[in-house]
Amino acid sequence: MLWSGVLLASAGATQAGIISRACIIANRSAASKELCQCIDRVAQSSLNKSERKKASKFFSDPHRAQVVRQSDRRSDEIFWKRYKAFGERADKTCNG
């Protein structure tokens, strides 16, 4: 999946969305500014604002994603299904 080791970029994102900023700040070696912006564009069309905010926290704390994925809460289950679909779409769109 896209999030495991693909996220970095330079710190010049002025109009970047929350996902792009989180991606840039995560400073992962396999990513680029363009990749982070692409992921953000997919997030804008796949997740609502609160979901993007929640997902952005996974960049700095990947364990948080695991906690949400394994949660018994119905709201986390619904979120995780949407997040997973977003990740698959971002992977296809942004990684060719």
N, C-alpha and C. Protein backbone atom coordinates (compact mmCIF):
# COMPACT_ATOMS: atom_id res chain seq x y z
N MET A 1 0.84 -1.18 0.00
CA MET A 1 0.00 0.00 0.00
C MET A 1 0.88 1.24 0.00
N LEU A 2 0.39 2.30 -0.50
CA LEU A 2 1.11 3.53 -0.72
C LEU A 2 1.76 4.12 0.52
N TRP A 3 1.15 4.01 1.67
CA TRP A 3 1.61 4.73 2.86
C TRP A 3 2.83 4.12 3.51
N SER A 4 3.19 2.92 3.21
CA SER A 4 4.23 2.24 3.97
C SER A 4 5.60 2.87 3.84
N GLY A 5 5.98 3.42 2.72
CA GLY A 5 7.31 3.99 2.66
C GLY A 5 7.51 4.98 1.55
N VAL A 6 6.51 5.73 1.22
CA VAL A 6 6.58 6.52 0.01
C VAL A 6 6.40 8.03 0.23
N LEU A 7 6.68 8.58 1.36
CA LEU A 7 6.21 9.93 1.55
C LEU A 7 7.27 10.95 1.99
N LEU A 8 7.57 11.90 1.14
CA LEU A 8 8.51 12.99 1.39
C LEU A 8 8.19 14.17 0.48
N ALA A 9 8.85 15.23 0.59
CA ALA A 9 8.93 16.32 -0.37
C ALA A 9 9.60 17.51 0.26
N SER A 10 9.78 18.55 -0.53
CA SER A 10 10.37 19.76 0.03
C SER A 10 9.31 20.55 0.77
N ALA A 11 9.72 21.46 1.61
CA ALA A 11 8.77 22.13 2.50
C ALA A 11 8.15 23.38 1.90
N GLY A 12 7.98 23.49 0.62
CA GLY A 12 7.45 24.70 0.02
C GLY A 12 6.01 24.63 -0.42
N ALA A 13 5.17 23.95 0.26
CA ALA A 13 3.78 23.79 -0.16
C ALA A 13 2.90 24.86 0.46
N THR A 14 2.68 25.94 -0.28
CA THR A 14 1.87 27.02 0.27
C THR A 14 0.38 26.77 0.14
N GLN A 15 -0.07 26.23 -0.97
CA GLN A 15 -1.48 25.97 -1.19
C GLN A 15 -1.83 24.50 -0.94
N ALA A 16 -0.94 23.78 -0.33
CA ALA A 16 -1.14 22.35 -0.14
C ALA A 16 -2.26 22.07 0.85
N GLY A 17 -2.93 20.97 0.62
CA GLY A 17 -3.96 20.50 1.55
C GLY A 17 -3.31 19.79 2.72
N ILE A 18 -4.14 19.37 3.65
CA ILE A 18 -3.63 18.76 4.88
C ILE A 18 -2.87 17.46 4.61
N ILE A 19 -3.31 16.68 3.63
CA ILE A 19 -2.61 15.44 3.30
C ILE A 19 -1.25 15.75 2.68
N SER A 20 -1.21 16.68 1.77
CA SER A 20 0.06 17.05 1.14
C SER A 20 1.05 17.58 2.17
N ARG A 21 0.58 18.43 3.08
CA ARG A 21 1.47 18.96 4.12
C ARG A 21 1.99 17.85 5.02
N ALA A 22 1.11 16.93 5.41
CA ALA A 22 1.54 15.82 6.26
C ALA A 22 2.55 14.95 5.52
N CYS A 23 2.33 14.72 4.27
CA CYS A 23 3.24 13.94 3.44
C CYS A 23 4.61 14.60 3.37
N ILE A 24 4.62 15.90 3.16
CA ILE A 24 5.87 16.64 3.06
C ILE A 24 6.63 16.61 4.39
N ILE A 25 5.92 16.86 5.47
CA ILE A 25 6.54 16.89 6.80
C ILE A 25 7.08 15.52 7.19
N ALA A 26 6.43 14.44 6.72
CA ALA A 26 6.87 13.09 7.06
C ALA A 26 8.28 12.81 6.55
N ASN A 27 8.68 13.50 5.48
CA ASN A 27 10.06 13.46 4.99
C ASN A 27 10.55 12.04 4.69
N ARG A 28 9.74 11.27 3.99
CA ARG A 28 10.12 9.91 3.59
C ARG A 28 10.91 9.96 2.29
N SER A 29 11.92 9.16 2.18
CA SER A 29 12.87 9.26 1.07
C SER A 29 12.32 8.89 -0.30
N ALA A 30 11.32 8.06 -0.39
CA ALA A 30 10.83 7.59 -1.69
C ALA A 30 9.79 8.52 -2.32
N ALA A 31 9.42 9.59 -1.64
CA ALA A 31 8.37 10.46 -2.14
C ALA A 31 8.95 11.75 -2.72
N SER A 32 8.08 12.54 -3.31
CA SER A 32 8.45 13.82 -3.89
C SER A 32 7.31 14.81 -3.65
N LYS A 33 7.59 16.06 -3.91
CA LYS A 33 6.55 17.08 -3.78
C LYS A 33 5.37 16.75 -4.70
N GLU A 34 5.68 16.31 -5.91
CA GLU A 34 4.64 15.97 -6.87
C GLU A 34 3.79 14.79 -6.38
N LEU A 35 4.43 13.78 -5.80
CA LEU A 35 3.69 12.64 -5.28
C LEU A 35 2.77 13.07 -4.15
N CYS A 36 3.28 13.86 -3.23
CA CYS A 36 2.46 14.33 -2.11
C CYS A 36 1.26 15.13 -2.60
N GLN A 37 1.48 15.96 -3.61
CA GLN A 37 0.37 16.75 -4.16
C GLN A 37 -0.64 15.85 -4.87
N CYS A 38 -0.17 14.83 -5.54
CA CYS A 38 -1.07 13.89 -6.20
C CYS A 38 -1.93 13.16 -5.17
N ILE A 39 -1.29 12.69 -4.10
CA ILE A 39 -2.02 12.00 -3.04
C ILE A 39 -3.08 12.93 -2.46
N ASP A 40 -2.72 14.18 -2.27
CA ASP A 40 -3.66 15.16 -1.73
C ASP A 40 -4.85 15.36 -2.67
N ARG A 41 -4.59 15.44 -3.97
CA ARG A 41 -5.69 15.61 -4.94
C ARG A 41 -6.65 14.43 -4.86
N VAL A 42 -6.12 13.23 -4.75
CA VAL A 42 -6.98 12.05 -4.63
C VAL A 42 -7.76 12.11 -3.32
N ALA A 43 -7.10 12.52 -2.25
CA ALA A 43 -7.77 12.65 -0.95
C ALA A 43 -8.91 13.66 -1.02
N GLN A 44 -8.69 14.77 -1.71
CA GLN A 44 -9.73 15.80 -1.83
C GLN A 44 -11.00 15.24 -2.47
N SER A 45 -10.83 14.30 -3.41
CA SER A 45 -12.00 13.76 -4.09
C SER A 45 -12.50 12.44 -3.47
N SER A 46 -11.78 11.91 -2.50
CA SER A 46 -12.15 10.61 -1.93
C SER A 46 -12.61 10.67 -0.48
N LEU A 47 -12.12 11.64 0.27
CA LEU A 47 -12.39 11.72 1.70
C LEU A 47 -12.96 13.09 2.04
N ASN A 48 -13.83 13.14 3.04
CA ASN A 48 -14.33 14.44 3.47
C ASN A 48 -13.26 15.12 4.36
N LYS A 49 -13.52 16.34 4.75
CA LYS A 49 -12.53 17.12 5.48
C LYS A 49 -12.08 16.44 6.78
N SER A 50 -13.02 15.95 7.55
CA SER A 50 -12.64 15.31 8.82
C SER A 50 -11.86 14.01 8.57
N GLU A 51 -12.22 13.28 7.52
CA GLU A 51 -11.48 12.07 7.18
C GLU A 51 -10.06 12.39 6.73
N ARG A 52 -9.91 13.46 5.97
CA ARG A 52 -8.55 13.87 5.55
C ARG A 52 -7.72 14.27 6.75
N LYS A 53 -8.33 14.95 7.69
CA LYS A 53 -7.61 15.34 8.90
C LYS A 53 -7.17 14.11 9.68
N LYS A 54 -8.06 13.15 9.82
CA LYS A 54 -7.74 11.91 10.53
C LYS A 54 -6.63 11.15 9.80
N ALA A 55 -6.75 11.03 8.50
CA ALA A 55 -5.75 10.31 7.70
C ALA A 55 -4.39 11.01 7.71
N SER A 56 -4.39 12.32 7.77
CA SER A 56 -3.12 13.05 7.76
C SER A 56 -2.25 12.70 8.96
N LYS A 57 -2.88 12.31 10.04
CA LYS A 57 -2.13 11.96 11.25
C LYS A 57 -1.38 10.63 11.11
N PHE A 58 -1.78 9.82 10.14
CA PHE A 58 -1.10 8.55 9.91
C PHE A 58 0.32 8.75 9.39
N PHE A 59 0.59 9.88 8.75
CA PHE A 59 1.93 10.15 8.22
C PHE A 59 2.95 10.27 9.34
N SER A 60 2.58 10.93 10.42
CA SER A 60 3.53 11.11 11.52
C SER A 60 3.43 9.99 12.55
N ASP A 61 2.33 9.25 12.52
CA ASP A 61 2.13 8.16 13.48
C ASP A 61 1.47 6.98 12.79
N PRO A 62 2.24 6.19 12.03
CA PRO A 62 1.66 5.06 11.30
C PRO A 62 0.94 4.06 12.19
N HIS A 63 1.35 3.95 13.44
CA HIS A 63 0.68 3.04 14.36
C HIS A 63 -0.78 3.43 14.57
N ARG A 64 -1.06 4.71 14.48
CA ARG A 64 -2.44 5.19 14.63
C ARG A 64 -3.35 4.55 13.58
N ALA A 65 -2.83 4.36 12.37
CA ALA A 65 -3.62 3.70 11.32
C ALA A 65 -3.97 2.28 11.73
N GLN A 66 -3.00 1.59 12.31
CA GLN A 66 -3.23 0.21 12.76
C GLN A 66 -4.30 0.17 13.86
N VAL A 67 -4.25 1.12 14.76
CA VAL A 67 -5.24 1.19 15.84
C VAL A 67 -6.64 1.40 15.26
N VAL A 68 -6.75 2.30 14.30
CA VAL A 68 -8.06 2.55 13.68
C VAL A 68 -8.52 1.32 12.92
N ARG A 69 -7.61 0.70 12.18
CA ARG A 69 -7.97 -0.49 11.40
C ARG A 69 -8.49 -1.62 12.28
N GLN A 70 -7.93 -1.78 13.46
CA GLN A 70 -8.31 -2.87 14.35
C GLN A 70 -9.41 -2.49 15.34
N SER A 71 -9.85 -1.26 15.30
CA SER A 71 -10.87 -0.79 16.22
C SER A 71 -12.20 -1.52 16.01
N ASP A 72 -12.94 -1.67 17.09
CA ASP A 72 -14.27 -2.26 17.03
C ASP A 72 -15.37 -1.21 16.83
N ARG A 73 -14.99 0.04 16.81
CA ARG A 73 -15.98 1.10 16.64
C ARG A 73 -16.52 1.11 15.22
N ARG A 74 -17.81 1.22 15.08
CA ARG A 74 -18.46 1.26 13.76
C ARG A 74 -17.95 2.42 12.92
N SER A 75 -17.77 3.58 13.54
CA SER A 75 -17.29 4.76 12.81
C SER A 75 -15.89 4.54 12.26
N ASP A 76 -15.05 3.83 13.01
CA ASP A 76 -13.70 3.53 12.52
C ASP A 76 -13.75 2.53 11.38
N GLU A 77 -14.67 1.59 11.45
CA GLU A 77 -14.83 0.61 10.37
C GLU A 77 -15.25 1.31 9.07
N ILE A 78 -16.19 2.21 9.18
CA ILE A 78 -16.66 2.97 8.01
C ILE A 78 -15.52 3.81 7.46
N PHE A 79 -14.82 4.52 8.34
CA PHE A 79 -13.68 5.32 7.91
C PHE A 79 -12.64 4.45 7.22
N TRP A 80 -12.32 3.31 7.84
CA TRP A 80 -11.25 2.47 7.30
C TRP A 80 -11.57 1.99 5.89
N LYS A 81 -12.81 1.64 5.62
CA LYS A 81 -13.21 1.22 4.28
C LYS A 81 -13.00 2.35 3.27
N ARG A 82 -13.36 3.55 3.64
CA ARG A 82 -13.17 4.71 2.75
C ARG A 82 -11.68 5.03 2.59
N TYR A 83 -10.94 4.93 3.69
CA TYR A 83 -9.50 5.20 3.66
C TYR A 83 -8.77 4.17 2.78
N LYS A 84 -9.15 2.92 2.91
CA LYS A 84 -8.53 1.86 2.11
C LYS A 84 -8.80 2.10 0.62
N ALA A 85 -10.03 2.43 0.28
CA ALA A 85 -10.37 2.73 -1.12
C ALA A 85 -9.57 3.93 -1.61
N PHE A 86 -9.44 4.95 -0.76
CA PHE A 86 -8.62 6.11 -1.11
C PHE A 86 -7.17 5.70 -1.36
N GLY A 87 -6.60 4.89 -0.48
CA GLY A 87 -5.22 4.45 -0.64
C GLY A 87 -5.00 3.70 -1.94
N GLU A 88 -5.94 2.83 -2.27
CA GLU A 88 -5.84 2.08 -3.53
C GLU A 88 -5.93 3.00 -4.74
N ARG A 89 -6.84 3.96 -4.65
CA ARG A 89 -7.00 4.93 -5.76
C ARG A 89 -5.75 5.81 -5.88
N ALA A 90 -5.22 6.26 -4.75
CA ALA A 90 -4.00 7.09 -4.77
C ALA A 90 -2.83 6.30 -5.33
N ASP A 91 -2.73 5.04 -4.97
CA ASP A 91 -1.65 4.21 -5.48
C ASP A 91 -1.73 4.09 -7.01
N LYS A 92 -2.91 3.79 -7.52
CA LYS A 92 -3.11 3.69 -8.98
C LYS A 92 -2.85 5.01 -9.68
N THR A 93 -3.41 6.07 -9.12
CA THR A 93 -3.34 7.38 -9.75
C THR A 93 -1.94 7.98 -9.71
N CYS A 94 -1.29 7.86 -8.56
CA CYS A 94 -0.04 8.58 -8.32
C CYS A 94 1.21 7.75 -8.60
N ASN A 95 1.07 6.45 -8.62
CA ASN A 95 2.23 5.59 -8.90
C ASN A 95 2.13 4.90 -10.25
N GLY A 96 1.15 5.31 -11.04
CA GLY A 96 1.02 4.77 -12.39
C GLY A 96 0.38 3.48 -12.40
